């Protein structure tokens, strides 16, 4: 079974004023000790997304331990030579994504309720995500909050590694791990001073 790092940073292109700021944040996160990064871009065209994804990979390529995950796009995952793909409920079905990326790359699936999680558990996904755990500002139309109780229920439904996402900060991250998550996905609370923030997360999460 794959080993997820405790901290799962997501680089959302929409959160940065320009690509240079995103690249700088990526450099800081890896300098802090992060071993996995997800690149998420919901609004760019495919050519520009691929260009930025490749540049990100090239900049961070010296770090042999770093796992790079592409959000949504199986084609760009392959083209940018990323290590894995993460799909949501409105993206490719997990098994369709698996056929494209092959058996060696990581595959993650987002879920938002027990039914979705139980369904995703039957697939070849390597890990599952559940959320939003808390209220989040990272999505325009977020799914209903599942809370720590929903996370505990999710933990009972799968033996696969579980990533908690949605409104997770340094103030509540420890409670999320204690409720059963293997890893916490974070966007907003890593934006300000990414290196210092990530170091604090890593200390808190042990």
Protein backbone atom coordinates (compact mmCIF):
# COMPACT_ATOMS: atom_id res chain seq x y z
CA UNK A 1 0.00 0.00 0.00
CA UNK A 2 1.26 3.46 -0.89
CA UNK A 3 2.55 5.77 1.81
CA UNK A 4 1.06 9.26 1.68
CA UNK A 5 2.93 12.11 3.36
CA UNK A 6 1.06 13.79 6.21
CA UNK A 7 0.95 17.09 4.30
CA UNK A 8 -0.57 17.18 0.79
CA UNK A 9 -0.06 20.72 -0.58
CA UNK A 10 -2.17 21.82 -3.55
CA UNK A 11 -0.81 24.51 -5.84
CA UNK A 12 -3.98 26.08 -7.25
CA UNK A 13 -3.11 28.42 -10.14
CA UNK A 14 -6.13 30.58 -9.26
CA UNK A 15 -4.54 31.48 -5.90
CA UNK A 16 -1.45 33.11 -7.39
CA UNK A 17 -1.15 36.46 -9.20
CA UNK A 18 1.11 34.90 -11.85
CA UNK A 19 3.00 31.65 -12.60
CA UNK A 20 6.23 33.06 -11.14
CA UNK A 21 4.56 33.38 -7.73
CA UNK A 22 3.33 29.78 -7.97
CA UNK A 23 6.80 28.51 -8.90
CA UNK A 24 8.32 30.43 -5.99
CA UNK A 25 5.76 28.88 -3.61
CA UNK A 26 6.59 25.42 -4.96
CA UNK A 27 10.29 26.04 -4.32
CA UNK A 28 9.53 27.11 -0.74
CA UNK A 29 7.28 24.12 -0.06
CA UNK A 30 9.89 21.63 -1.20
CA UNK A 31 12.57 23.49 0.76
CA UNK A 32 10.38 23.05 3.84
CA UNK A 33 10.39 19.30 3.32
CA UNK A 34 7.18 18.63 1.38
CA UNK A 35 7.46 15.41 -0.64
CA UNK A 36 4.25 15.69 -2.67
CA UNK A 37 2.63 18.54 -4.62
CA UNK A 38 -0.56 18.65 -6.63
CA UNK A 39 -0.86 21.09 -9.54
CA UNK A 40 -4.42 22.32 -10.00
CA UNK A 41 -5.61 24.65 -12.76
CA UNK A 42 -9.33 24.84 -13.43
CA UNK A 43 -9.30 27.73 -15.90
CA UNK A 44 -6.19 27.59 -18.10
CA UNK A 45 -6.20 26.27 -21.65
CA UNK A 46 -4.50 22.93 -22.19
CA UNK A 47 -1.41 24.29 -23.94
CA UNK A 48 -0.62 26.81 -21.21
CA UNK A 49 -1.41 24.30 -18.47
CA UNK A 50 1.01 21.82 -19.98
CA UNK A 51 3.67 24.49 -20.33
CA UNK A 52 3.35 25.48 -16.66
CA UNK A 53 3.15 21.86 -15.51
CA UNK A 54 6.34 20.99 -17.36
CA UNK A 55 8.12 24.05 -16.00
CA UNK A 56 7.05 23.12 -12.48
CA UNK A 57 8.32 19.57 -13.01
CA UNK A 58 11.62 20.83 -14.44
CA UNK A 59 12.17 23.28 -11.56
CA UNK A 60 11.53 20.65 -8.94
CA UNK A 61 12.96 17.71 -10.83
CA UNK A 62 16.17 17.65 -8.83
CA UNK A 63 14.20 16.42 -5.83
CA UNK A 64 14.07 12.68 -6.45
CA UNK A 65 11.70 12.10 -3.54
CA UNK A 66 9.06 14.54 -4.78
CA UNK A 67 5.76 13.12 -6.07
CA UNK A 68 3.96 15.39 -8.55
CA UNK A 69 0.20 14.95 -8.96
CA UNK A 70 -1.85 16.45 -11.81
CA UNK A 71 -5.42 17.49 -11.05
CA UNK A 72 -8.15 16.33 -13.46
CA UNK A 73 -6.19 15.95 -16.68
CA UNK A 74 -4.95 12.45 -17.47
CA UNK A 75 -3.53 13.60 -20.81
CA UNK A 76 -1.48 16.36 -19.19
CA UNK A 77 -0.36 13.99 -16.44
CA UNK A 78 1.30 11.84 -19.10
CA UNK A 79 2.58 14.71 -21.23
CA UNK A 80 4.20 16.47 -18.26
CA UNK A 81 5.53 13.16 -16.89
CA UNK A 82 3.82 13.56 -13.53
CA UNK A 83 3.76 10.75 -11.00
CA UNK A 84 0.02 10.64 -10.49
CA UNK A 85 -3.44 11.96 -11.26
CA UNK A 86 -6.26 13.15 -9.02
CA UNK A 87 -9.83 13.11 -10.33
CA UNK A 88 -13.08 14.50 -8.94
CA UNK A 89 -16.66 13.35 -9.19
CA UNK A 90 -17.22 15.32 -12.41
CA UNK A 91 -13.99 14.22 -14.10
CA UNK A 92 -12.99 10.95 -15.77
CA UNK A 93 -14.22 7.82 -14.04
CA UNK A 94 -11.38 6.27 -12.03
CA UNK A 95 -11.14 3.18 -14.22
CA UNK A 96 -11.07 5.29 -17.40
CA UNK A 97 -8.32 7.41 -15.86
CA UNK A 98 -6.42 4.26 -14.86
CA UNK A 99 -6.51 2.96 -18.43
CA UNK A 100 -4.91 6.20 -19.61
CA UNK A 101 -2.23 6.65 -16.94
CA UNK A 102 -1.39 2.96 -16.54
CA UNK A 103 -0.75 0.88 -13.42
CA UNK A 104 2.45 2.55 -12.21
CA UNK A 105 1.17 6.09 -11.56
CA UNK A 106 -0.75 7.08 -8.45
CA UNK A 107 -4.48 7.65 -8.82
CA UNK A 108 -6.55 9.61 -6.29
CA UNK A 109 -10.30 10.19 -6.23
CA UNK A 110 -12.27 12.95 -4.50
CA UNK A 111 -15.42 11.97 -2.61
CA UNK A 112 -17.93 13.99 -0.61
CA UNK A 113 -20.19 11.48 1.13
CA UNK A 114 -20.22 7.83 2.28
CA UNK A 115 -21.86 6.59 -0.95
CA UNK A 116 -19.23 8.16 -3.19
CA UNK A 117 -16.42 6.93 -0.96
CA UNK A 118 -17.73 3.36 -0.89
CA UNK A 119 -18.00 3.42 -4.69
CA UNK A 120 -14.50 4.82 -5.12
CA UNK A 121 -13.14 2.21 -2.72
CA UNK A 122 -14.05 -0.50 -5.24
CA UNK A 123 -11.88 1.07 -7.96
CA UNK A 124 -8.15 0.82 -8.58
CA UNK A 125 -7.62 4.23 -6.94
CA UNK A 126 -4.52 4.25 -4.75
CA UNK A 127 -5.94 6.77 -2.30
CA UNK A 128 -9.26 8.49 -1.61
CA UNK A 129 -10.00 12.07 -0.60
CA UNK A 130 -12.96 13.13 1.55
CA UNK A 131 -14.27 16.64 2.12
CA UNK A 132 -14.88 19.38 2.66
CA UNK A 133 -14.10 18.62 6.30
CA UNK A 134 -14.65 22.27 7.25
CA UNK A 135 -16.05 25.27 5.37
CA UNK A 136 -13.76 26.20 2.49
CA UNK A 137 -13.23 29.23 0.25
CA UNK A 138 -11.21 27.36 -2.38
CA UNK A 139 -14.27 26.28 -4.38
CA UNK A 140 -17.03 28.46 -5.83
CA UNK A 141 -19.75 25.86 -5.12
CA UNK A 142 -18.43 23.54 -2.41
CA UNK A 143 -20.16 20.33 -1.40
CA UNK A 144 -21.78 20.14 2.05
CA UNK A 145 -19.33 20.06 4.96
CA UNK A 146 -18.78 16.51 6.23
CA UNK A 147 -17.09 17.46 9.50
CA UNK A 148 -14.87 15.30 11.66
CA UNK A 149 -17.74 12.85 12.19
CA UNK A 150 -18.03 12.36 8.43
CA UNK A 151 -14.29 11.79 8.30
CA UNK A 152 -14.52 9.12 11.01
CA UNK A 153 -17.28 7.41 9.03
CA UNK A 154 -15.13 7.55 5.89
CA UNK A 155 -12.26 5.92 7.79
CA UNK A 156 -14.54 3.00 8.65
CA UNK A 157 -15.47 2.50 4.99
CA UNK A 158 -12.02 2.09 3.44
CA UNK A 159 -8.59 0.69 4.17
CA UNK A 160 -7.06 2.82 1.43
CA UNK A 161 -5.03 5.89 2.40
CA UNK A 162 -7.39 8.77 3.15
CA UNK A 163 -6.75 12.43 2.38
CA UNK A 164 -8.89 15.01 4.19
CA UNK A 165 -9.52 18.28 2.36
CA UNK A 166 -11.46 21.49 2.90
CA UNK A 167 -10.81 24.31 5.34
CA UNK A 168 -7.85 22.60 6.98
CA UNK A 169 -5.47 24.93 8.81
CA UNK A 170 -2.64 24.65 11.31
CA UNK A 171 -5.25 25.22 14.02
CA UNK A 172 -7.33 22.15 13.18
CA UNK A 173 -5.00 19.81 11.23
CA UNK A 174 -4.08 17.67 14.22
CA UNK A 175 -7.75 16.95 14.98
CA UNK A 176 -8.20 15.80 11.38
CA UNK A 177 -5.36 13.28 11.64
CA UNK A 178 -6.74 12.08 14.99
CA UNK A 179 -10.14 11.54 13.34
CA UNK A 180 -8.60 9.07 10.89
CA UNK A 181 -7.02 10.92 7.95
CA UNK A 182 -3.63 9.74 6.73
CA UNK A 183 -2.92 13.09 5.10
CA UNK A 184 -4.28 16.64 5.00
CA UNK A 185 -4.66 18.54 1.73
CA UNK A 186 -4.07 22.27 2.14
CA UNK A 187 -4.37 25.24 -0.20
CA UNK A 188 -5.14 28.52 1.58
CA UNK A 189 -3.13 28.08 4.78
CA UNK A 190 0.06 27.57 2.78
CA UNK A 191 -0.22 30.71 0.66
CA UNK A 192 1.27 33.16 3.11
CA UNK A 193 4.96 32.46 3.71
CA UNK A 194 4.75 28.92 2.24
CA UNK A 195 8.02 27.63 3.69
CA UNK A 196 7.31 28.72 7.27
CA UNK A 197 3.68 27.55 7.03
CA UNK A 198 4.64 24.14 5.67
CA UNK A 199 7.33 23.69 8.34
CA UNK A 200 4.72 24.42 11.01
CA UNK A 201 2.29 21.93 9.47
CA UNK A 202 4.98 19.26 9.32
CA UNK A 203 5.89 19.85 12.96
CA UNK A 204 2.25 19.69 14.05
CA UNK A 205 1.53 16.54 12.06
CA UNK A 206 4.59 14.67 13.21
